[in-house]
Protein backbone atom coordinates (compact mmCIF):
# COMPACT_ATOMS: atom_id res chain seq x y z
CA MET A 1 20.74 9.79 19.17
CA LEU A 2 19.35 10.46 22.37
CA LYS A 3 22.27 11.67 25.13
CA PRO A 4 21.90 10.56 29.00
CA ARG A 5 20.31 13.76 30.04
CA GLU A 6 17.93 13.96 27.26
CA VAL A 7 16.65 10.04 28.64
CA GLY A 8 16.52 11.66 32.35
CA GLU A 9 13.98 14.24 30.90
CA LEU A 10 12.28 11.88 29.00
CA ALA A 11 11.81 9.85 31.88
CA THR A 12 9.86 12.67 33.45
CA ALA A 13 7.86 13.33 30.55
CA LEU A 14 6.82 9.86 30.20
CA GLU A 15 5.79 9.82 33.90
CA GLY A 16 3.67 12.64 33.48
CA ALA A 17 1.70 11.19 29.96
CA LEU A 18 1.81 7.30 31.29
CA ARG A 19 1.23 7.44 35.10
CA GLY A 20 -1.89 5.85 35.99
CA GLU A 21 -2.54 4.61 32.13
CA ARG A 22 -2.64 0.65 31.36
CA LEU A 23 -0.59 -1.15 28.99
CA GLY A 24 -3.15 -2.36 26.15
CA LYS A 25 -2.54 -4.16 23.07
CA PHE A 26 1.16 -5.07 22.51
CA VAL A 27 2.69 -5.10 18.70
CA GLN A 28 6.29 -6.36 17.76
CA ILE A 29 6.46 -3.99 14.80
CA ASP A 30 9.76 -5.86 13.58
CA GLU A 31 12.61 -7.37 15.33
CA ASP A 32 14.13 -4.19 17.04
CA VAL A 33 10.45 -2.17 17.05
CA LEU A 34 8.08 -2.67 19.98
CA SER A 35 4.68 -1.08 20.56
CA PHE A 36 2.25 -0.85 23.63
CA SER A 37 -1.47 0.82 23.11
CA ALA A 38 -2.54 2.85 25.92
CA SER A 39 -5.00 4.99 26.56
CA LYS A 40 -6.55 8.35 25.09
CA GLY A 41 -5.30 6.80 21.72
CA LYS A 42 -1.53 6.79 22.72
CA ARG A 43 1.06 4.17 21.85
CA LEU A 44 4.48 3.48 23.58
CA VAL A 45 7.11 2.93 21.08
CA PHE A 46 10.41 1.05 21.85
CA VAL A 47 13.07 1.26 19.18
CA LEU A 48 15.97 -0.87 19.96
CA ASP A 49 18.00 -0.06 16.61
CA PRO A 50 21.68 -0.28 17.53
CA ALA A 51 22.41 2.89 15.47
CA ASP A 52 19.91 4.78 16.92
CA PRO A 53 17.91 3.44 20.21
CA SER A 54 14.71 5.28 21.43
CA CYS A 55 11.77 5.49 22.81
CA TYR A 56 8.63 7.76 22.65
CA LEU A 57 5.27 8.32 22.43
CA SER A 58 2.88 8.25 18.81
CA SER A 59 -0.75 9.30 18.49
CA SER A 60 -0.96 7.94 14.84
CA PRO A 61 -3.20 4.38 14.96
CA LEU A 62 -1.31 0.84 13.84
CA GLY A 63 -3.08 -1.28 12.05
CA LEU A 64 -0.82 -4.19 12.38
CA THR A 65 -0.55 -7.90 12.92
CA SER A 66 2.43 -8.46 15.48
CA LEU A 67 5.42 -10.49 14.59
CA SER A 68 5.10 -14.13 16.37
CA THR A 69 8.52 -14.44 18.56
CA PRO A 70 9.01 -15.92 22.44
CA LEU A 71 9.37 -11.78 23.15
CA SER A 72 5.78 -10.76 21.68
CA GLN A 73 4.17 -14.27 23.15
CA TYR A 74 5.43 -13.10 26.71
CA PHE A 75 4.79 -9.46 26.68
CA ARG A 76 1.21 -10.32 25.63
CA LYS A 77 0.60 -12.83 28.32
CA GLU A 78 2.61 -10.83 30.96
CA LEU A 79 1.98 -7.10 30.57
CA SER A 80 -1.13 -6.53 28.62
CA GLY A 81 -3.31 -4.55 31.20
CA ALA A 82 -0.41 -3.61 32.95
CA SER A 83 -0.91 -0.42 35.06
CA VAL A 84 1.80 2.21 34.70
CA LEU A 85 3.19 3.13 38.36
CA GLY A 86 5.80 5.53 37.44
CA VAL A 87 8.59 5.88 35.01
CA HIS A 88 12.18 6.78 35.80
CA GLN A 89 15.86 6.96 34.65
CA GLY A 90 18.46 4.08 35.62
CA GLY A 91 20.98 5.70 37.38
CA GLU A 92 23.00 8.29 35.04
CA ASP A 93 22.65 6.29 31.89
CA ARG A 94 20.58 5.98 29.01
CA VAL A 95 17.98 3.51 30.52
CA LEU A 96 14.46 4.23 31.06
CA LEU A 97 12.83 2.07 33.92
CA PHE A 98 8.81 1.13 34.03
CA SER A 99 7.70 0.76 37.06
CA LEU A 100 4.57 -1.78 36.49
CA LEU A 101 1.66 -3.73 38.27
CA CYS A 102 0.42 -6.14 36.85
CA VAL A 103 -1.85 -9.22 37.42
CA ASN A 104 -0.66 -13.13 37.29
CA ASP A 105 -2.61 -15.94 36.44
CA LEU A 106 -3.97 -16.49 39.86
CA PHE A 107 -5.54 -12.95 39.72
CA LEU A 108 -2.90 -11.57 42.10
CA GLU A 109 -1.28 -8.39 41.81
CA GLU A 110 2.39 -8.41 41.33
CA ARG A 111 5.30 -5.38 40.49
CA ARG A 112 7.39 -5.86 37.94
CA THR A 113 9.90 -3.08 36.15
CA LEU A 114 10.00 -3.22 32.19
CA VAL A 115 13.73 -2.12 31.70
CA VAL A 116 14.49 -0.24 28.31
CA GLU A 117 18.21 -0.13 27.34
CA LEU A 118 18.74 3.06 24.91
CA LEU A 119 22.70 2.38 24.67
CA PRO A 120 24.26 3.05 21.27
CA HIS A 121 24.95 -0.21 19.87
CA HIS A 122 24.05 -2.44 22.77
CA PRO A 123 20.31 -1.69 23.11
CA ASN A 124 18.07 -4.02 25.36
CA VAL A 125 14.97 -4.68 26.88
CA LEU A 126 14.43 -6.93 29.99
CA LEU A 127 11.27 -7.66 32.63
CA LEU A 128 12.24 -7.73 36.50
CA ASP A 129 10.00 -9.05 38.95
CA GLU A 130 10.05 -7.11 42.64
CA ASN A 131 13.23 -8.31 44.02
CA GLY A 132 14.92 -6.99 40.58
CA LYS A 133 15.75 -10.35 38.93
CA ILE A 134 15.73 -11.03 35.42
CA LEU A 135 12.37 -12.90 34.35
CA PHE A 136 12.97 -11.88 30.51
CA VAL A 137 15.79 -10.65 27.99
CA LYS A 138 15.51 -9.99 24.48
CA LYS A 139 19.59 -10.08 24.22
CA PRO A 140 21.18 -11.85 27.01
CA SER A 141 24.84 -11.50 27.23
CA PRO A 142 26.64 -14.06 24.98
CA SER A 143 29.18 -15.07 27.92
CA LEU A 144 29.95 -15.15 31.62
CA LEU A 145 33.02 -13.35 30.63
CA GLU A 146 30.95 -10.47 30.01
CA LYS A 147 31.85 -7.00 32.02
CA ARG A 148 28.34 -6.66 33.04
CA VAL A 149 26.37 -10.08 32.48
CA VAL A 150 22.54 -9.80 31.72
CA LEU A 151 20.79 -13.34 31.87
CA ARG A 152 17.69 -14.64 33.02
CA GLY A 153 17.37 -15.32 36.69
CA MET A 154 20.31 -12.98 37.75
CA THR A 155 19.96 -10.05 39.42
CA TYR A 156 19.87 -7.05 37.18
CA VAL A 157 22.77 -4.46 37.41
CA PRO A 158 22.24 -1.48 35.41
CA PRO A 159 24.90 -0.24 33.20
CA SER A 160 27.30 2.73 34.57
CA LEU A 161 28.18 5.87 32.93
CA PRO A 162 32.00 6.30 31.87
CA PHE A 163 31.73 9.58 32.31
CA ALA A 164 29.85 12.56 33.84
CA PRO A 165 26.66 13.41 31.53
CA THR A 166 27.24 16.77 29.86
CA PRO A 167 24.49 19.41 30.41
CA LEU A 168 21.76 19.98 28.00
CA GLN A 169 22.42 22.92 25.81
CA LYS A 170 18.82 23.48 25.17
CA PRO A 171 15.86 22.26 26.88
CA PHE A 172 14.46 18.54 25.63
CA ASP A 173 11.68 19.24 23.76
CA PHE A 174 9.34 15.61 24.19
CA SER A 175 6.63 16.81 21.56
CA ALA A 176 9.16 17.43 18.91
CA HIS A 177 11.12 14.30 19.89
CA ASN A 178 7.52 12.57 18.95
CA GLU A 179 7.19 14.22 16.02
CA ALA A 180 10.43 13.33 14.47
CA MET A 181 10.28 9.53 15.78
CA GLU A 182 6.80 9.42 14.31
CA ALA A 183 7.99 10.56 11.08
CA LYS A 184 10.62 7.65 10.98
CA GLU A 185 7.81 5.43 11.96
CA GLY A 186 6.29 5.92 8.67
CA SER A 187 9.50 4.72 6.43
CA LEU A 188 9.65 1.56 8.63
CA LEU A 189 6.23 0.76 8.11
CA GLU A 190 6.63 0.98 4.25
CA LYS A 191 9.29 -1.09 4.37
CA ARG A 192 7.77 -3.87 6.82
CA LYS A 193 4.73 -3.65 4.04
CA LYS A 194 6.69 -4.17 1.43
CA GLU A 195 8.63 -7.29 2.97
CA ARG A 196 5.74 -8.88 4.25
CA PHE A 197 3.70 -8.45 0.98
CA SER A 198 6.41 -9.03 -1.26
CA THR A 199 4.91 -12.09 -3.11
CA LEU A 200 1.77 -9.64 -3.71
CA PHE A 201 4.12 -6.82 -5.47
CA ARG A 202 6.51 -8.91 -6.79
CA ASP A 203 3.33 -11.01 -8.64
CA ILE A 204 1.70 -7.72 -9.83
CA LYS A 205 5.18 -6.37 -11.25
CA THR A 206 6.34 -9.90 -13.00
CA ARG A 207 2.64 -9.78 -14.79
CA LYS A 208 3.10 -6.28 -15.66
CA LYS A 209 6.36 -6.92 -17.32
CA ALA A 210 4.86 -10.32 -18.86
CA LEU A 211 2.29 -7.80 -20.84
CA GLU A 212 4.61 -5.49 -21.59
CA ARG A 213 6.81 -8.38 -23.30
CA LYS A 214 3.12 -9.38 -24.84
CA LEU A 215 2.39 -6.18 -26.24
CA VAL A 216 6.09 -5.63 -27.98
CA LYS A 217 5.60 -9.53 -29.49
CA LEU A 218 2.04 -8.22 -30.77
CA GLU A 219 3.57 -4.71 -32.25
CA LYS A 220 5.79 -6.79 -34.05
CA GLU A 221 3.30 -9.26 -35.49
CA GLU A 222 1.25 -6.46 -36.59
CA GLU A 223 3.95 -4.70 -38.34
CA GLU A 224 4.73 -7.93 -40.57
CA ALA A 225 1.05 -8.70 -41.12
CA LYS A 226 0.73 -5.35 -42.30
CA ALA A 227 3.40 -5.89 -44.85
CA HIS A 228 1.36 -8.50 -46.60
CA ARG A 229 -2.27 -7.40 -46.23
CA GLY A 230 -1.87 -6.11 -49.97
CA ASP A 231 -0.66 -9.17 -51.16
CA GLY A 232 -4.09 -10.73 -52.94
CA GLU A 233 -3.60 -7.91 -55.50
CA TYR A 234 -0.23 -9.40 -56.62
CA GLY A 235 -2.62 -12.49 -56.65
CA ASN A 236 -4.93 -10.68 -58.94
CA PHE A 237 -1.93 -9.19 -60.92
CA ILE A 238 -0.65 -12.17 -61.99
CA TYR A 239 -4.17 -13.85 -63.01
CA THR A 240 -4.55 -10.79 -65.17
CA ASN A 241 -1.16 -10.93 -66.71
CA MET A 242 -0.77 -14.54 -66.94
CA GLY A 243 0.90 -14.83 -70.31
CA ASP A 244 3.76 -12.30 -69.21
CA ILE A 245 4.66 -14.04 -65.84
CA ASP A 246 8.09 -15.87 -65.80
CA PRO A 247 8.17 -17.20 -62.06
CA SER A 248 11.74 -18.51 -63.09
CA SER A 249 13.41 -15.38 -63.12
CA GLY A 250 12.41 -14.91 -59.32
CA VAL A 251 10.55 -11.50 -59.82
CA MET A 252 7.90 -9.65 -61.33
CA ASP A 253 7.19 -6.46 -61.94
CA VAL A 254 4.43 -4.61 -60.72
CA TYR A 255 4.08 -1.06 -62.05
CA GLY A 256 7.72 -0.25 -61.65
CA VAL A 257 7.57 -2.11 -58.19
CA PRO A 258 9.81 -5.58 -58.49
CA VAL A 259 7.88 -8.44 -56.37
CA PRO A 260 9.73 -11.40 -55.58
CA LEU A 261 8.19 -14.88 -56.99
CA ASP A 262 8.85 -18.72 -56.11
CA PRO A 263 10.59 -19.92 -58.99
CA ARG A 264 9.96 -23.50 -58.33
CA LYS A 265 5.90 -22.51 -58.70
CA SER A 266 3.68 -22.27 -61.20
CA PRO A 267 1.98 -18.91 -62.11
CA SER A 268 -1.31 -19.85 -60.67
CA GLN A 269 0.55 -21.43 -57.71
CA ASN A 270 2.30 -17.81 -56.59
CA ALA A 271 -1.20 -16.28 -57.29
CA GLU A 272 -2.70 -18.73 -54.75
CA ALA A 273 0.34 -18.35 -52.40
CA PHE A 274 0.47 -14.35 -52.52
CA PHE A 275 -3.96 -14.97 -51.52
CA LYS A 276 -3.33 -17.34 -48.84
CA ARG A 277 -0.38 -14.95 -47.38
CA ALA A 278 -3.23 -11.80 -47.77
CA LYS A 279 -5.81 -14.29 -46.05
CA LYS A 280 -3.56 -14.91 -43.16
CA ALA A 281 -2.45 -11.35 -42.96
CA LYS A 282 -5.93 -10.25 -42.38
CA ALA A 283 -6.48 -12.69 -39.29
CA THR A 284 -3.41 -11.80 -38.21
CA LEU A 285 -4.20 -8.01 -37.74
CA GLN A 286 -7.86 -9.04 -36.65
CA GLU A 287 -6.14 -11.20 -33.78
CA THR A 288 -3.32 -8.61 -32.56
CA SER A 289 -6.07 -5.67 -32.22
CA LYS A 290 -7.97 -7.81 -30.38
CA ASN A 291 -5.32 -8.91 -28.25
CA LYS A 292 -3.44 -6.03 -28.09
CA GLU A 293 -6.85 -4.03 -26.84
CA GLY A 294 -7.23 -6.76 -23.80
CA ALA A 295 -3.27 -6.61 -22.91
CA TYR A 296 -3.83 -2.57 -22.61
CA ARG A 297 -6.54 -3.18 -20.53
CA GLU A 298 -5.23 -5.76 -18.33
CA LEU A 299 -1.92 -3.67 -17.83
CA GLU A 300 -4.44 -0.50 -17.19
CA ARG A 301 -6.13 -2.04 -14.62
CA LEU A 302 -2.81 -3.70 -12.85
CA GLU A 303 -1.31 -0.19 -12.88
CA THR A 304 -4.07 0.86 -10.91
CA LEU A 305 -4.14 -1.62 -8.66
CA SER A 306 -0.51 -1.48 -7.86
CA GLN A 307 -1.19 1.92 -7.31
CA ALA A 308 -4.15 1.09 -4.97
CA LEU A 309 -1.46 -1.15 -3.03
CA GLU A 310 1.35 1.52 -2.98
CA GLU A 311 -1.42 3.39 -1.01
CA ALA A 312 -3.00 0.55 1.38
CA ASP A 313 -1.81 0.32 4.87
CA GLU A 314 -1.13 -3.21 6.25
CA GLU A 315 -4.67 -3.73 7.21
CA ALA A 316 -6.14 -2.67 4.05
CA LEU A 317 -4.13 -5.01 2.45
CA GLU A 318 -5.21 -8.20 4.50
CA ARG A 319 -8.59 -7.08 4.17
CA LEU A 320 -7.97 -6.45 0.34
CA GLY A 321 -6.36 -10.22 0.03
CA LYS A 322 -9.08 -11.97 2.48
CA GLU A 323 -11.96 -10.05 0.45
CA TYR A 324 -11.10 -10.23 -2.86
CA ARG A 325 -8.41 -13.24 -3.07
CA LEU A 326 -5.14 -11.29 -4.21
CA GLU A 327 -3.15 -13.53 -2.01
CA GLU A 328 -2.30 -17.51 -2.59
CA LYS A 329 -5.04 -20.00 -1.62
CA ASP A 330 -4.23 -23.60 -1.57
CA GLY A 331 -1.25 -23.27 -3.64
CA ALA A 332 -2.97 -21.52 -6.43
CA LYS A 333 -2.37 -18.27 -7.34
CA HIS A 334 -5.82 -15.83 -8.00
CA SER A 335 -5.30 -13.16 -10.45
CA PRO A 336 -7.61 -10.12 -9.20
CA LEU A 337 -8.35 -9.75 -12.62
CA SER A 338 -10.68 -12.81 -12.51
CA GLU A 339 -12.67 -11.22 -9.84
CA PRO A 340 -15.28 -8.83 -10.27
CA ALA A 341 -14.43 -5.20 -11.44
CA ILE A 342 -13.28 -3.61 -8.16
CA LEU A 343 -11.21 -1.12 -9.26
CA PRO A 344 -12.39 2.48 -9.18
CA TYR A 345 -13.56 4.64 -12.09
CA GLN A 346 -11.01 7.94 -12.63
CA VAL A 347 -12.17 11.41 -13.97
CA LYS A 348 -8.91 14.08 -14.45
CA ILE A 349 -9.56 17.74 -14.43
CA ASP A 350 -7.19 20.30 -14.68
CA GLY A 351 -4.27 17.33 -13.32
CA THR A 352 -6.58 16.61 -10.52
CA SER A 353 -7.97 12.97 -9.84
CA PHE A 354 -11.34 12.02 -9.01
CA LEU A 355 -12.28 8.44 -8.12
CA PHE A 356 -15.82 6.91 -7.91
CA GLY A 357 -17.26 3.35 -7.59
CA LYS A 358 -20.85 2.77 -9.56
CA ASN A 359 -21.30 -0.07 -7.43
CA ALA A 360 -21.55 -1.30 -3.66
CA MET A 361 -18.33 -3.22 -4.35
CA GLN A 362 -16.54 -0.45 -5.96
CA ASN A 363 -17.84 1.56 -2.98
CA ASP A 364 -16.43 -0.44 -0.60
CA TYR A 365 -13.25 -1.09 -1.84
CA LEU A 366 -12.74 2.78 -2.96
CA SER A 367 -13.57 3.83 0.39
CA PHE A 368 -12.02 1.43 2.75
CA LEU A 369 -9.66 -0.42 0.87
CA TYR A 370 -7.96 2.00 -1.83
CA ALA A 371 -7.66 5.20 -0.38
CA THR A 372 -6.23 5.37 3.02
CA LYS A 373 -5.01 8.81 3.01
CA LYS A 374 -6.89 10.28 6.27
CA ASP A 375 -7.36 14.05 5.08
CA ARG A 376 -8.63 13.26 1.70
CA LEU A 377 -12.26 14.44 1.11
CA TRP A 378 -14.80 11.57 0.42
CA PHE A 379 -17.95 12.54 -1.18
CA HIS A 380 -21.80 11.17 -1.59
CA VAL A 381 -25.14 12.30 -2.24
CA LYS A 382 -27.01 13.44 0.99
CA GLU A 383 -29.45 11.00 2.28
CA ALA A 384 -29.30 8.80 -1.30
CA ARG A 385 -27.99 5.80 -2.71
CA GLY A 386 -25.04 6.40 -5.00
CA ALA A 387 -21.42 6.68 -5.71
CA HIS A 388 -18.79 6.89 -3.28
CA LEU A 389 -16.41 9.54 -4.42
CA ILE A 390 -12.76 10.60 -3.08
CA LEU A 391 -10.70 13.47 -4.50
CA GLN A 392 -7.33 12.59 -4.58
CA LYS A 393 -5.83 15.99 -3.76
CA ASP A 394 -4.38 17.46 -0.32
CA ASP A 395 -5.81 21.10 0.60
CA PRO A 396 -8.38 21.26 -2.29
CA SER A 397 -9.59 24.57 -3.63
CA PRO A 398 -13.28 25.46 -3.33
CA LYS A 399 -13.78 24.79 -7.26
CA GLU A 400 -12.45 21.35 -6.84
CA ILE A 401 -14.73 20.34 -3.95
CA GLU A 402 -17.56 21.52 -5.58
CA THR A 403 -16.46 19.65 -9.01
CA ALA A 404 -16.34 16.82 -6.50
CA CYS A 405 -19.78 17.11 -5.55
CA ALA A 406 -21.01 17.89 -9.12
CA LEU A 407 -19.21 14.33 -9.92
CA ALA A 408 -20.78 12.44 -6.86
CA LEU A 409 -23.92 13.52 -8.62
CA LEU A 410 -23.35 12.53 -12.07
CA ALA A 411 -22.08 9.19 -10.43
CA SER A 412 -25.05 8.56 -8.87
CA GLY A 413 -27.19 9.39 -11.93
CA LYS A 414 -28.42 12.98 -10.76
CA ARG A 415 -28.18 16.37 -11.73
CA GLU A 416 -28.94 18.30 -8.95
CA GLY A 417 -28.84 18.00 -5.23
CA GLU A 418 -26.98 18.09 -1.89
CA VAL A 419 -23.91 16.40 -1.32
CA GLN A 420 -22.27 15.64 1.77
CA TYR A 421 -18.54 15.80 2.09
CA ALA A 422 -15.93 14.64 5.03
CA PRO A 423 -12.00 13.80 5.21
CA HIS A 424 -11.47 10.08 5.14
CA LYS A 425 -10.76 9.85 8.32
CA ASP A 426 -14.13 10.50 9.37
CA VAL A 427 -15.83 7.65 7.22
CA ARG A 428 -16.56 4.59 8.97
CA ARG A 429 -17.77 1.16 7.56
CA GLY A 430 -21.42 0.21 7.78
CA SER A 431 -23.26 -2.96 8.28
CA THR A 432 -23.10 -4.00 4.86
CA LYS A 433 -20.74 -3.83 1.58
CA GLY A 434 -20.69 -0.22 0.54
CA GLN A 435 -22.42 1.41 3.29
CA ALA A 436 -20.52 4.42 4.98
CA VAL A 437 -21.48 6.34 8.34
CA LEU A 438 -19.94 9.42 8.66
CA ARG A 439 -18.90 11.10 12.10
CA SER A 440 -19.18 14.78 11.06
CA TYR A 441 -19.75 16.01 7.65
CA GLN A 442 -19.93 19.17 5.28
CA SER A 443 -22.65 19.63 2.50
CA ALA A 444 -23.16 21.84 -0.66
CA TYR A 445 -26.13 21.94 -2.87
CA ILE A 446 -25.41 22.02 -6.87
CA ARG A 447 -27.91 23.23 -9.24
CA ALA A 448 -26.12 22.39 -12.36
CA ILE A 449 -23.32 20.56 -13.86
CA PRO A 450 -20.61 22.70 -15.64
CA GLU A 451 -20.51 21.35 -19.05
CA GLU A 452 -16.79 20.51 -18.91
CA VAL A 453 -17.59 18.25 -15.49
CA GLU A 454 -19.97 16.36 -17.46
CA LYS A 455 -17.61 15.75 -20.52
CA ALA A 456 -15.16 14.61 -18.27
CA PHE A 457 -17.02 12.23 -16.51
CA LEU A 458 -18.34 10.62 -20.02
CA GLU A 459 -14.89 10.38 -20.75
CA ALA A 460 -14.37 8.24 -17.85
CA ARG A 461 -17.45 6.01 -18.12
CA LYS A 462 -15.69 4.89 -21.71
CA ALA A 463 -13.46 1.66 -21.84
CA PRO A 464 -9.50 2.68 -21.33
CA LYS A 465 -8.04 3.50 -24.27
CA LYS A 466 -5.60 2.11 -26.43
CA ARG A 467 -1.89 3.52 -26.20
């Protein structure tokens, strides 16, 4: 939690970083986290968490849609494009004052002050006019009997610190503060993603559980059918030994094995019952084998899709839902398995995973929806149409990069050639589906495909194995 003197140091650092900058897109990430984009790829973020309020500059991009609240609507209207004239601390307490120059609906410049109170248990954000009157307050005072009343239309009175602020034991590290807060932002964004797309995640989980229950049932049916697939031999035994079979005893001896009979039926009727059970068992085994294979394949696809959803950010999830109809539309659910096969193929060599697409749709899904980690390496045969491939490992070895190049060639129907590769963050979507544009890249020339790489590639092209 920030101390009063640290807020003073933070104000000085923000002044140096933001003075003269313009506030861009406003996003309310959740109820208590607000973000303004600024130039030079920075974002100004306010965290109004009562347990740990803070303010920091983030260098990571934010592909999110803002919550629609009165605050977000007001700030987007009033503060988008505002120039930062300065940042300073409000008194000696944990309060930041952002002096802004805004343009109103009549295109006239007006001064505004954005007040961010980083007070423990009572954080708040307000907007003041040039005379200090409150134009907007996120958390107004619940009563006029409060010690410090904060309401729209009143003159803003900053909080007073009831004690002298203690000197800092060490200098305030602005960069370390930003890095620490960015790390916390990651878990916040993951929580928001799970909440916002909870229906999608829950639907995938529910279908996986249903398939697992289906497989248990099929296994049981298969075991029961196996117990009767040889019953035809008992029917033949009855016809061969018709004179020695007495159904009234309820059992017959088949080479020392007691086999139950129906005493209400004749020997020939018992034989026909055995033939019928054997025929039914054979049909059941064929049907369960087919159903199990389909269930395993569908379960494997759902598990791969689930992994893709876990790795995707919100922007990718929105595009995934829009382009591949994974969300609910017109009250009806659409299964991703009813769409064309968009999931990538996977090759695992020595524990390292390589993913590749075999057509434009798979390439597009893999490169721009599935793999979102910015430092993962992306591969493609240079100056040729072919597969996109992503090496699913941080800091891969030279051998793993060479293996990825060889796999990219094989997936593109080639056995020799130059392969270009670049970090995923340097890959941009082209004008058509499956097309990619690189900001920069490296390349390697492969003259021969290692035998173990080709074997692993051929295995990956087969249908999913039964479990």
